[in-house]
């Protein structure tokens, strides 16, 4: 299974938020957030929306299309 490209780590770092703080505030396990950031796991749609709201971005900004549809 290929890794999923995303901008989670980029926007978290731009906001100056530690992974630990983000995980706590989002109520997700820090290992899960790590897996999302590195594309090992893909969040479900509800979690993707929560992540977008948390970082004040759109879901599309966090998870850009790979090659389009």
N, C-alpha and C. Protein backbone atom coordinates (compact mmCIF):
# COMPACT_ATOMS: atom_id res chain seq x y z
N UNK A 1 0.85 -1.19 0.00
CA UNK A 1 0.00 0.00 0.00
C UNK A 1 0.89 1.25 0.00
N UNK A 2 0.63 2.16 -0.91
CA UNK A 2 1.44 3.36 -1.04
C UNK A 2 1.11 4.36 0.07
N UNK A 3 2.12 5.14 0.42
CA UNK A 3 1.90 6.17 1.43
C UNK A 3 1.10 7.32 0.81
N UNK A 4 0.27 7.92 1.63
CA UNK A 4 -0.59 9.01 1.18
C UNK A 4 0.11 10.35 1.44
N UNK A 5 0.18 11.18 0.42
CA UNK A 5 0.79 12.50 0.56
C UNK A 5 -0.18 13.44 1.26
N UNK A 6 0.35 14.21 2.21
CA UNK A 6 -0.49 15.21 2.89
C UNK A 6 0.40 16.33 3.43
N UNK A 7 -0.26 17.37 3.91
CA UNK A 7 0.44 18.55 4.44
C UNK A 7 0.25 18.72 5.94
N UNK A 8 -0.11 17.67 6.64
CA UNK A 8 -0.39 17.78 8.07
C UNK A 8 0.81 18.29 8.85
N UNK A 9 1.96 17.68 8.65
CA UNK A 9 3.14 18.09 9.41
C UNK A 9 3.54 19.53 9.06
N UNK A 10 3.45 19.87 7.78
CA UNK A 10 3.80 21.22 7.33
C UNK A 10 2.97 22.27 8.07
N UNK A 11 1.65 22.09 8.10
CA UNK A 11 0.79 23.08 8.73
C UNK A 11 0.91 23.05 10.25
N UNK A 12 1.15 21.88 10.84
CA UNK A 12 1.35 21.81 12.29
C UNK A 12 2.60 22.60 12.67
N UNK A 13 3.68 22.39 11.93
CA UNK A 13 4.94 23.10 12.23
C UNK A 13 4.80 24.60 11.97
N UNK A 14 4.11 24.97 10.89
CA UNK A 14 3.89 26.39 10.60
C UNK A 14 3.13 27.07 11.74
N UNK A 15 2.23 26.32 12.38
CA UNK A 15 1.45 26.86 13.50
C UNK A 15 2.24 26.84 14.81
N UNK A 16 3.41 26.22 14.80
CA UNK A 16 4.23 26.16 16.00
C UNK A 16 3.66 25.24 17.07
N UNK A 17 2.97 24.20 16.64
CA UNK A 17 2.32 23.28 17.57
C UNK A 17 3.09 21.95 17.59
N UNK A 18 3.37 21.45 18.76
CA UNK A 18 4.05 20.15 18.87
C UNK A 18 3.07 19.04 18.52
N UNK A 19 3.61 17.92 18.09
CA UNK A 19 2.76 16.77 17.79
C UNK A 19 1.99 16.34 19.03
N UNK A 20 2.66 16.37 20.17
CA UNK A 20 2.02 15.97 21.43
C UNK A 20 0.83 16.86 21.75
N UNK A 21 1.01 18.16 21.61
CA UNK A 21 -0.09 19.11 21.88
C UNK A 21 -1.24 18.90 20.91
N UNK A 22 -0.91 18.76 19.63
CA UNK A 22 -1.96 18.56 18.62
C UNK A 22 -2.74 17.29 18.90
N UNK A 23 -2.04 16.22 19.23
CA UNK A 23 -2.71 14.94 19.52
C UNK A 23 -3.64 15.08 20.71
N UNK A 24 -3.17 15.75 21.74
CA UNK A 24 -3.99 15.95 22.94
C UNK A 24 -5.23 16.78 22.62
N UNK A 25 -5.05 17.89 21.92
CA UNK A 25 -6.16 18.78 21.61
C UNK A 25 -7.15 18.17 20.63
N UNK A 26 -6.67 17.27 19.77
CA UNK A 26 -7.54 16.60 18.81
C UNK A 26 -8.14 15.30 19.35
N UNK A 27 -7.68 14.92 20.56
CA UNK A 27 -8.15 13.68 21.19
C UNK A 27 -7.83 12.45 20.34
N UNK A 28 -6.61 12.43 19.79
CA UNK A 28 -6.13 11.25 19.07
C UNK A 28 -4.81 10.83 19.69
N UNK A 29 -4.49 9.57 19.56
CA UNK A 29 -3.22 9.06 20.07
C UNK A 29 -2.07 9.69 19.29
N UNK A 30 -0.99 10.01 19.96
CA UNK A 30 0.15 10.64 19.30
C UNK A 30 0.72 9.74 18.20
N UNK A 31 0.68 8.43 18.41
CA UNK A 31 1.17 7.51 17.37
C UNK A 31 0.27 7.54 16.14
N UNK A 32 -1.02 7.71 16.36
CA UNK A 32 -1.96 7.81 15.25
C UNK A 32 -1.70 9.08 14.45
N UNK A 33 -1.49 10.20 15.15
CA UNK A 33 -1.19 11.45 14.46
C UNK A 33 0.10 11.33 13.67
N UNK A 34 1.11 10.68 14.24
CA UNK A 34 2.37 10.44 13.53
C UNK A 34 2.10 9.67 12.24
N UNK A 35 1.28 8.63 12.34
CA UNK A 35 0.98 7.80 11.16
C UNK A 35 0.23 8.61 10.10
N UNK A 36 -0.66 9.49 10.53
CA UNK A 36 -1.34 10.37 9.58
C UNK A 36 -0.33 11.28 8.89
N UNK A 37 0.53 11.92 9.67
CA UNK A 37 1.50 12.87 9.11
C UNK A 37 2.45 12.22 8.12
N UNK A 38 2.85 11.00 8.38
CA UNK A 38 3.78 10.31 7.49
C UNK A 38 3.08 9.49 6.41
N UNK A 39 1.75 9.58 6.33
CA UNK A 39 1.01 8.92 5.27
C UNK A 39 0.90 7.41 5.41
N UNK A 40 1.22 6.91 6.60
CA UNK A 40 1.12 5.47 6.84
C UNK A 40 -0.34 5.07 6.99
N UNK A 41 -1.12 5.96 7.59
CA UNK A 41 -2.56 5.76 7.80
C UNK A 41 -3.32 6.95 7.24
N UNK A 42 -4.51 6.69 6.81
CA UNK A 42 -5.38 7.75 6.28
C UNK A 42 -6.52 7.97 7.27
N UNK A 43 -6.73 9.19 7.72
CA UNK A 43 -7.84 9.43 8.65
C UNK A 43 -9.18 9.25 7.95
N UNK A 44 -10.18 8.88 8.72
CA UNK A 44 -11.52 8.80 8.13
C UNK A 44 -12.02 10.22 7.86
N UNK A 45 -13.11 10.34 7.16
CA UNK A 45 -13.59 11.65 6.73
C UNK A 45 -13.88 12.57 7.92
N UNK A 46 -14.41 12.04 9.00
CA UNK A 46 -14.73 12.87 10.17
C UNK A 46 -13.46 13.41 10.82
N UNK A 47 -12.45 12.58 10.91
CA UNK A 47 -11.17 13.03 11.48
C UNK A 47 -10.50 14.02 10.55
N UNK A 48 -10.59 13.81 9.25
CA UNK A 48 -10.01 14.75 8.28
C UNK A 48 -10.65 16.13 8.43
N UNK A 49 -11.95 16.16 8.64
CA UNK A 49 -12.64 17.44 8.83
C UNK A 49 -12.19 18.10 10.14
N UNK A 50 -12.06 17.32 11.20
CA UNK A 50 -11.58 17.86 12.49
C UNK A 50 -10.16 18.41 12.34
N UNK A 51 -9.30 17.70 11.62
CA UNK A 51 -7.93 18.17 11.39
C UNK A 51 -7.95 19.49 10.62
N UNK A 52 -8.78 19.58 9.60
CA UNK A 52 -8.88 20.80 8.81
C UNK A 52 -9.33 21.98 9.66
N UNK A 53 -10.34 21.77 10.49
CA UNK A 53 -10.81 22.84 11.38
C UNK A 53 -9.72 23.24 12.37
N UNK A 54 -9.02 22.26 12.90
CA UNK A 54 -7.97 22.52 13.89
C UNK A 54 -6.86 23.38 13.31
N UNK A 55 -6.45 23.08 12.08
CA UNK A 55 -5.36 23.83 11.45
C UNK A 55 -5.86 25.03 10.64
N UNK A 56 -7.19 25.28 10.64
CA UNK A 56 -7.79 26.38 9.89
C UNK A 56 -7.45 26.29 8.41
N UNK A 57 -7.59 25.09 7.89
CA UNK A 57 -7.33 24.81 6.47
C UNK A 57 -8.51 24.03 5.92
N UNK A 58 -8.54 23.84 4.62
CA UNK A 58 -9.56 22.98 4.03
C UNK A 58 -9.01 21.55 3.99
N UNK A 59 -9.90 20.61 3.85
CA UNK A 59 -9.48 19.21 3.72
C UNK A 59 -8.59 19.08 2.48
N UNK A 60 -8.93 19.80 1.42
CA UNK A 60 -8.14 19.75 0.19
C UNK A 60 -6.72 20.29 0.39
N UNK A 61 -6.57 21.30 1.25
CA UNK A 61 -5.24 21.83 1.53
C UNK A 61 -4.41 20.81 2.31
N UNK A 62 -5.05 20.10 3.24
CA UNK A 62 -4.34 19.09 4.03
C UNK A 62 -4.02 17.85 3.21
N UNK A 63 -4.95 17.46 2.34
CA UNK A 63 -4.81 16.23 1.57
C UNK A 63 -5.00 16.53 0.08
N UNK A 64 -3.97 17.10 -0.56
CA UNK A 64 -4.10 17.46 -1.97
C UNK A 64 -4.22 16.21 -2.86
N UNK A 65 -4.88 16.40 -3.99
CA UNK A 65 -5.05 15.30 -4.94
C UNK A 65 -3.70 14.90 -5.51
N UNK A 66 -3.55 13.62 -5.73
CA UNK A 66 -2.33 13.09 -6.35
C UNK A 66 -2.62 12.77 -7.80
N UNK A 67 -2.30 13.70 -8.69
CA UNK A 67 -2.50 13.46 -10.10
C UNK A 67 -3.89 13.77 -10.62
N UNK A 68 -4.78 14.20 -9.76
CA UNK A 68 -6.14 14.56 -10.19
C UNK A 68 -7.01 13.35 -10.46
N UNK A 69 -8.26 13.62 -10.79
CA UNK A 69 -9.23 12.56 -11.06
C UNK A 69 -9.45 12.35 -12.53
